Amino acid sequence: MPDSSVKRSVPPSGISVRTFRNRAGLALSADVGGRQDAQPVVLLHGGGQTRHSWRSIFMGLVSEGYRVINLDARGHGDSQWSPCGDYDLEDLGRDLLDVLGSLQKKPILIGASMGGLTALCALGLAEGDIARSMILVDVVPGLDPAGSQRIVAFLQEHMDGFETLEEAADVVSAYDPDRIRPRDIGGLMKNLRRRDNGRLYWHWDPQFFIGSNLTDPTRLTAQLYAVCSSISFPVLLIRGMRSNVVTDEGVAELRRHIPHLRVFEVPRAGHMITGDRNDVFNEGILAFIRGGEEPPA
């Protein structure tokens, strides 16, 4: 478990932090905002991130009148680490089903990378439709193997932490040299925590990307495409045009399984669309939802 010195995140004014319990009693933390009777939207972050990666769109959706649940996945952020190291995609999918069981209406699911795979997995595990619509953020079941392995390799490095925030920022910049490094790197602290030894560590369980089947998501491809073939509700794929994991072939294959798929392309954005082109990303999501799940042409 994380060091006791780690402080839990404080939500912005008007937003509450809620702890959900999965069927095994594992604590899952989320920022929750909006009227309880409003249309729910569930945000699912990517691997190695926390719910704070959704901060902008979370606040935007709350201001639009939605009930938004911004969830930290098990082993990430303020959610509990699995004592048995259970971090397969099916574990995350069951967690999502347990959270959805508390909602009064079918939600709109928005999942980035690992979060999108989690949403698809939950659909496969569920009995009947569990969502009104879904937005996949730069993720398809048929991920480019080289690109996905590069991400996993990055997440498996630097388990011994960092001496300074600048050192962590240097590592991120080296991984994605085409991305403009912000002048203020303080935002990176959302994904780091300082422990008792004074070093900074990524804010997720180091066991997560060691034993999980997510270390090779290509093994899940056939299973997830089978789920896609049964989807009848609206689906939007937001694609970063500089992504190293979503290819033209991957998009075409997803469309074969979901013929009604809509695609919103974000120029000059890589896999981390929310950081690369946050304004355009938010525009695509809000247009899809406002238009009855029809994105801009």
Protein backbone atom coordinates (compact mmCIF):
# COMPACT_ATOMS: atom_id res chain seq x y z
CA MET A 1 0.00 0.00 0.00
CA PRO A 2 1.13 3.62 -0.49
CA ASP A 3 3.08 5.34 2.27
CA SER A 4 0.93 6.92 4.98
CA SER A 5 2.50 10.28 4.13
CA VAL A 6 0.67 10.39 0.81
CA LYS A 7 -2.09 12.99 0.95
CA ARG A 8 -5.39 12.44 -0.80
CA SER A 9 -6.36 14.90 -3.51
CA VAL A 10 -8.62 17.83 -2.62
CA PRO A 11 -11.49 18.43 -5.10
CA PRO A 12 -12.40 21.88 -6.43
CA SER A 13 -15.16 23.83 -4.75
CA GLY A 14 -18.63 22.35 -5.29
CA ILE A 15 -17.25 18.91 -6.12
CA SER A 16 -17.28 16.03 -3.67
CA VAL A 17 -15.01 13.01 -3.37
CA ARG A 18 -16.92 9.75 -3.13
CA THR A 19 -15.62 6.30 -2.25
CA PHE A 20 -17.25 3.41 -4.09
CA ARG A 21 -16.77 -0.15 -2.87
CA ASN A 22 -16.46 -2.98 -5.36
CA ARG A 23 -17.88 -6.45 -4.71
CA ALA A 24 -14.72 -7.43 -2.80
CA GLY A 25 -14.70 -4.27 -0.68
CA LEU A 26 -11.88 -2.51 -2.55
CA ALA A 27 -12.16 1.29 -2.22
CA LEU A 28 -12.45 3.23 -5.48
CA SER A 29 -12.17 7.01 -5.29
CA ALA A 30 -13.94 9.45 -7.59
CA ASP A 31 -14.69 13.14 -7.97
CA VAL A 32 -18.45 13.54 -8.32
CA GLY A 33 -20.34 16.63 -9.44
CA GLY A 34 -23.72 17.67 -10.80
CA ARG A 35 -27.33 16.97 -9.85
CA GLN A 36 -28.01 13.44 -8.69
CA ASP A 37 -30.97 13.06 -11.08
CA ALA A 38 -29.10 14.34 -14.15
CA GLN A 39 -27.78 12.23 -17.02
CA PRO A 40 -24.66 10.49 -15.67
CA VAL A 41 -21.30 10.56 -17.41
CA VAL A 42 -18.47 8.30 -16.22
CA LEU A 43 -14.85 9.28 -16.97
CA LEU A 44 -12.20 6.53 -17.10
CA HIS A 45 -8.57 7.64 -17.32
CA GLY A 46 -5.67 5.91 -19.06
CA GLY A 47 -3.04 3.63 -17.57
CA GLY A 48 -0.52 5.40 -15.35
CA GLN A 49 -2.78 8.47 -15.11
CA THR A 50 -5.23 9.61 -12.44
CA ARG A 51 -8.67 11.16 -12.58
CA HIS A 52 -7.01 14.59 -12.66
CA SER A 53 -6.22 14.12 -16.35
CA TRP A 54 -9.95 14.80 -16.94
CA ARG A 55 -10.10 18.02 -14.90
CA SER A 56 -11.10 20.35 -17.77
CA ILE A 57 -13.79 18.20 -19.39
CA PHE A 58 -15.05 17.13 -15.95
CA MET A 59 -15.78 20.71 -14.97
CA GLY A 60 -17.19 21.43 -18.43
CA LEU A 61 -19.64 18.53 -18.22
CA VAL A 62 -20.74 19.50 -14.71
CA SER A 63 -21.41 23.05 -15.91
CA GLU A 64 -23.46 21.61 -18.80
CA GLY A 65 -25.78 19.96 -16.29
CA TYR A 66 -24.52 16.37 -16.24
CA ARG A 67 -23.92 14.13 -13.24
CA VAL A 68 -20.22 13.31 -13.65
CA ILE A 69 -18.31 10.51 -11.95
CA ASN A 70 -14.56 10.89 -12.50
CA LEU A 71 -13.09 7.60 -11.32
CA ASP A 72 -9.59 6.60 -10.24
CA ALA A 73 -8.98 3.03 -11.40
CA ARG A 74 -7.86 0.49 -8.81
CA GLY A 75 -4.16 0.90 -8.12
CA HIS A 76 -4.20 4.51 -9.39
CA GLY A 77 -4.56 7.89 -7.71
CA ASP A 78 -6.57 7.75 -4.50
CA SER A 79 -8.15 4.35 -5.19
CA GLN A 80 -6.98 1.37 -3.20
CA TRP A 81 -4.20 -0.89 -4.41
CA SER A 82 -5.15 -4.54 -4.89
CA PRO A 83 -3.58 -6.54 -2.02
CA CYS A 84 -3.27 -9.54 -4.36
CA GLY A 85 -2.00 -7.62 -7.38
CA ASP A 86 -5.22 -8.28 -9.32
CA TYR A 87 -4.95 -5.84 -12.21
CA ASP A 88 -6.22 -7.70 -15.25
CA LEU A 89 -8.63 -5.87 -17.53
CA GLU A 90 -11.47 -8.06 -16.26
CA ASP A 91 -10.81 -6.78 -12.72
CA LEU A 92 -11.18 -3.20 -13.93
CA GLY A 93 -14.29 -4.12 -15.89
CA ARG A 94 -15.97 -5.62 -12.83
CA ASP A 95 -15.04 -2.53 -10.80
CA LEU A 96 -16.79 -0.37 -13.39
CA LEU A 97 -19.90 -2.55 -13.27
CA ASP A 98 -20.00 -2.17 -9.48
CA VAL A 99 -19.84 1.62 -9.79
CA LEU A 100 -22.51 1.68 -12.51
CA GLY A 101 -24.79 -0.33 -10.22
CA SER A 102 -25.17 2.77 -8.04
CA LEU A 103 -26.52 4.95 -10.89
CA GLN A 104 -30.17 5.72 -11.58
CA LYS A 105 -29.75 5.89 -15.37
CA LYS A 106 -27.56 4.33 -18.04
CA PRO A 107 -24.43 6.52 -18.31
CA ILE A 108 -22.38 7.94 -21.12
CA LEU A 109 -19.00 6.20 -20.80
CA ILE A 110 -15.85 8.13 -21.75
CA GLY A 111 -12.64 6.11 -21.61
CA ALA A 112 -9.11 7.04 -22.60
CA SER A 113 -6.73 4.23 -23.60
CA MET A 114 -6.95 1.75 -20.70
CA GLY A 115 -10.22 3.40 -19.65
CA GLY A 116 -11.73 2.72 -23.05
CA LEU A 117 -10.68 -0.92 -22.92
CA THR A 118 -12.19 -1.10 -19.43
CA ALA A 119 -15.52 0.17 -20.76
CA LEU A 120 -15.51 -2.42 -23.55
CA CYS A 121 -14.61 -5.19 -21.12
CA ALA A 122 -17.44 -4.19 -18.77
CA LEU A 123 -19.89 -4.34 -21.69
CA GLY A 124 -18.77 -7.89 -22.36
CA LEU A 125 -19.13 -8.91 -18.72
CA ALA A 126 -22.56 -7.31 -18.26
CA GLU A 127 -25.95 -8.81 -18.89
CA GLY A 128 -27.61 -6.46 -21.35
CA ASP A 129 -26.78 -2.85 -22.23
CA ILE A 130 -25.23 -0.82 -19.44
CA ALA A 131 -24.56 2.43 -21.31
CA ARG A 132 -26.46 5.06 -23.25
CA SER A 133 -23.43 5.83 -25.43
CA MET A 134 -19.65 5.60 -25.37
CA ILE A 135 -16.64 7.71 -26.32
CA LEU A 136 -13.31 5.94 -26.87
CA VAL A 137 -10.33 8.28 -26.60
CA ASP A 138 -7.45 7.14 -28.83
CA VAL A 139 -8.02 3.46 -28.28
CA VAL A 140 -9.26 0.56 -30.39
CA PRO A 141 -9.09 -3.19 -29.66
CA GLY A 142 -6.50 -3.60 -32.43
CA LEU A 143 -3.76 -1.38 -31.03
CA ASP A 144 -0.45 -1.08 -32.84
CA PRO A 145 1.79 -3.61 -31.05
CA ALA A 146 4.97 -1.52 -31.20
CA GLY A 147 3.24 1.62 -29.97
CA SER A 148 1.44 -0.10 -27.11
CA GLN A 149 4.61 -1.88 -25.98
CA ARG A 150 6.47 1.43 -25.94
CA ILE A 151 3.85 2.82 -23.56
CA VAL A 152 4.05 -0.24 -21.30
CA ALA A 153 7.85 -0.04 -21.27
CA PHE A 154 7.65 3.61 -20.20
CA LEU A 155 5.24 2.76 -17.38
CA GLN A 156 7.51 -0.05 -16.16
CA GLU A 157 10.56 2.22 -15.90
CA HIS A 158 11.66 4.45 -13.01
CA MET A 159 10.09 2.33 -10.29
CA ASP A 160 12.71 3.79 -7.94
CA GLY A 161 11.14 7.23 -8.29
CA PHE A 162 12.66 10.65 -8.96
CA GLU A 163 14.79 12.99 -6.91
CA THR A 164 13.08 16.13 -8.26
CA LEU A 165 10.05 17.17 -10.28
CA GLU A 166 12.40 18.38 -13.01
CA GLU A 167 13.84 14.87 -13.31
CA ALA A 168 10.36 13.43 -13.83
CA ALA A 169 9.56 16.13 -16.39
CA ASP A 170 12.76 15.30 -18.28
CA VAL A 171 11.68 11.65 -18.49
CA VAL A 172 8.26 12.60 -19.86
CA SER A 173 9.83 14.97 -22.41
CA ALA A 174 12.25 12.29 -23.57
CA TYR A 175 9.36 9.88 -24.09
CA ASP A 176 7.39 12.39 -26.19
CA PRO A 177 9.87 14.90 -27.66
CA ASP A 178 7.29 16.31 -30.12
CA ARG A 179 5.09 17.52 -27.30
CA ILE A 180 5.74 21.07 -26.12
CA ARG A 181 7.06 21.05 -22.58
CA PRO A 182 5.01 23.42 -20.41
CA ARG A 183 6.81 26.31 -18.74
CA ASP A 184 5.15 25.38 -15.46
CA ILE A 185 5.73 21.68 -14.82
CA GLY A 186 3.81 21.80 -11.53
CA GLY A 187 0.84 20.06 -13.16
CA LEU A 188 2.90 16.88 -13.32
CA MET A 189 2.52 16.57 -9.54
CA LYS A 190 -1.04 15.34 -10.16
CA ASN A 191 0.55 12.05 -11.21
CA LEU A 192 3.28 11.97 -8.55
CA ARG A 193 3.43 11.69 -4.79
CA ARG A 194 6.33 12.33 -2.41
CA ARG A 195 6.92 9.52 0.07
CA ASP A 196 8.69 9.43 3.41
CA ASN A 197 12.11 8.95 1.80
CA GLY A 198 11.70 12.30 0.02
CA ARG A 199 11.55 10.85 -3.50
CA LEU A 200 8.71 11.33 -5.96
CA TYR A 201 6.90 8.26 -7.30
CA TRP A 202 4.24 7.77 -9.93
CA HIS A 203 0.86 7.76 -8.21
CA TRP A 204 -0.01 4.14 -9.06
CA ASP A 205 0.89 0.67 -7.85
CA PRO A 206 4.17 -0.50 -9.48
CA GLN A 207 2.67 -4.00 -9.67
CA PHE A 208 0.01 -2.77 -12.06
CA PHE A 209 2.02 -3.09 -15.27
CA ILE A 210 3.97 -6.17 -14.28
CA GLY A 211 1.45 -9.01 -13.94
CA SER A 212 -1.60 -7.55 -15.69
CA ASN A 213 -2.79 -8.80 -19.08
CA LEU A 214 -2.72 -5.11 -20.02
CA THR A 215 1.07 -5.44 -20.44
CA ASP A 216 0.17 -7.02 -23.80
CA PRO A 217 -3.23 -5.67 -24.85
CA THR A 218 -2.98 -7.46 -28.21
CA ARG A 219 -3.95 -10.63 -26.33
CA LEU A 220 -7.33 -9.04 -25.66
CA THR A 221 -8.06 -7.98 -29.24
CA ALA A 222 -10.37 -10.80 -30.35
CA GLN A 223 -12.30 -10.71 -27.06
CA LEU A 224 -12.91 -6.96 -27.30
CA TYR A 225 -13.86 -7.01 -30.98
CA ALA A 226 -16.50 -9.63 -30.14
CA VAL A 227 -17.95 -7.14 -27.65
CA CYS A 228 -17.90 -4.36 -30.24
CA SER A 229 -19.97 -6.44 -32.66
CA SER A 230 -22.90 -6.41 -30.22
CA ILE A 231 -22.94 -2.64 -29.58
CA SER A 232 -26.05 -0.87 -30.83
CA PHE A 233 -25.78 2.46 -28.98
CA PRO A 234 -23.87 5.49 -30.36
CA VAL A 235 -20.06 5.28 -30.25
CA LEU A 236 -17.53 8.00 -30.94
CA LEU A 237 -13.80 7.45 -31.41
CA ILE A 238 -11.66 10.51 -30.74
CA ARG A 239 -8.36 9.92 -32.50
CA GLY A 240 -5.09 11.78 -32.15
CA MET A 241 -3.66 12.02 -35.66
CA ARG A 242 -0.10 11.65 -34.30
CA SER A 243 -1.03 8.65 -32.17
CA ASN A 244 1.47 5.80 -32.04
CA VAL A 245 -1.16 3.21 -31.08
CA VAL A 246 -4.24 3.89 -33.23
CA THR A 247 -3.65 3.32 -36.93
CA ASP A 248 -5.82 3.67 -40.04
CA GLU A 249 -6.09 -0.11 -40.11
CA GLY A 250 -7.20 -0.18 -36.47
CA VAL A 251 -9.92 2.39 -37.13
CA ALA A 252 -11.13 0.53 -40.22
CA GLU A 253 -11.31 -2.75 -38.29
CA LEU A 254 -13.26 -1.12 -35.47
CA ARG A 255 -15.71 0.28 -38.01
CA ARG A 256 -16.22 -3.21 -39.43
CA HIS A 257 -17.38 -4.30 -35.98
CA ILE A 258 -19.29 -1.07 -35.20
CA PRO A 259 -20.69 0.11 -38.55
CA HIS A 260 -22.32 3.18 -36.97
CA LEU A 261 -18.99 4.32 -35.43
CA ARG A 262 -18.27 8.03 -35.69
CA VAL A 263 -14.69 9.31 -35.69
CA PHE A 264 -13.50 12.73 -34.55
CA GLU A 265 -9.90 13.39 -35.59
CA VAL A 266 -7.71 15.77 -33.60
CA PRO A 267 -4.83 17.21 -35.66
CA ARG A 268 -1.37 17.65 -34.10
CA ALA A 269 -2.32 15.43 -31.14
CA GLY A 270 -0.73 12.19 -30.05
CA HIS A 271 -2.01 9.47 -27.76
CA MET A 272 -2.30 11.96 -24.87
CA ILE A 273 -4.98 14.04 -26.59
CA THR A 274 -6.22 15.70 -23.40
CA GLY A 275 -2.80 17.28 -22.89
CA ASP A 276 -1.91 17.92 -26.53
CA ARG A 277 -5.14 19.56 -27.78
CA ASN A 278 -7.41 19.91 -24.78
CA ASP A 279 -9.62 22.56 -26.39
CA VAL A 280 -10.35 20.52 -29.52
CA PHE A 281 -10.80 17.36 -27.45
CA ASN A 282 -13.40 19.02 -25.23
CA GLU A 283 -15.18 20.41 -28.30
CA GLY A 284 -15.49 16.92 -29.79
CA ILE A 285 -16.94 15.42 -26.62
CA LEU A 286 -19.42 18.21 -25.95
CA ALA A 287 -20.61 18.32 -29.57
CA PHE A 288 -21.24 14.57 -29.52
CA ILE A 289 -23.22 14.73 -26.28
CA ARG A 290 -25.14 17.94 -27.04
CA GLY A 291 -26.16 16.61 -30.43
CA GLY A 292 -27.75 13.48 -29.03
CA GLU A 293 -24.46 11.59 -29.38
CA GLU A 294 -23.86 12.87 -32.91
CA PRO A 295 -20.36 14.41 -33.27
CA PRO A 296 -19.50 17.25 -35.66
CA ALA A 297 -19.09 16.19 -39.28
